[in-house]
Amino acid sequence: MLAATLFVLLAAPLDHSGFDGLLRAHVTEAGLVDYEAFARSGEFRRYLEELGRASLEGRGDSERLAFWINVYNAWTIEQVNRHGERESIRNIRKTLGLLPLKGPWSERMVRAAGRELTLDEVEHEIVRKEFREPRIHFALVCAALSCPSLRREAYLGARLDAQLEEQARVFVRSTDKNRVDAASGTVFVSPIFVWYRADFGGSDAALGRYLARYWPDGSEQDLLRSGKLRVRETVYDWSLNGVGAERPKR
């Protein structure tokens, strides 16, 4: 027991500095990714190798969650580049022009913490199941324009709560994704909130209360808090979030 305690106290934080520098250099303020720069980067290759060798033994929840978010985002970039895709991640692994049931997120190509995984397993079997933190939906970036913007820094256990809170505020208040029509009692939301409704309380009323946490004061926030609302999805743009793409104005 004493040895295990000393290990936790003495273990250095996991090093994401290489990825941090790449994100600052090759992601725009709008969250668009220079995929070609990542493809050419030896530093990115080294970071992916480090993720594969990393040990999570004795790590706290915040550091482990930050690790897995970085894993998902880094390996999504790698998957797009490995397939040479520049239009949409949904073009990867198509069969006869159709998206197969397994899709790009079920390709077993992620190497992290000594494991071989799919992106689906990272998201659903590890991040969602083990941590039960709804704000991860604003941090995991699936390479589409309607995804959350890729953050221009790596996630770190010591700063994770503040990073997730900022990601949530920015995503919720992005008017191309979410808006409120108080007059009609209708809330238009990103499909992410519909796909993962259970993570945000499981009902329209619970979702409204969740969104209200990040909405400015006024009649729109009052509607969200009331629970008396109708939810409608906005359009999800699967175009690649690459440099040169144009995000809708917020």
Foldseek 3Di string as FASTA:
>chain_A
DVVLVVCLVPPDQQDPPLVLVQLLVAADPLQAGALVVCVPDPSLVVVQVSQLQDACRNPDPLSVLLSLLLLLQSVLSVLCVVVVHQWFQQVPPADPNHADPCTQQAPQPRRGNNDTGGSCCSVPVPNCVPPLDVLSQLRRANQFLLGHRHDSGGRHSVCNVVVSVVSLLVNLPQVLAWDFDLVVQEIEHACVCVVPVVSQPNDQLSVLQVSLVNDDDDSRSVSSNVSRHHYHYHDTTRTGSHPVDDHDHD
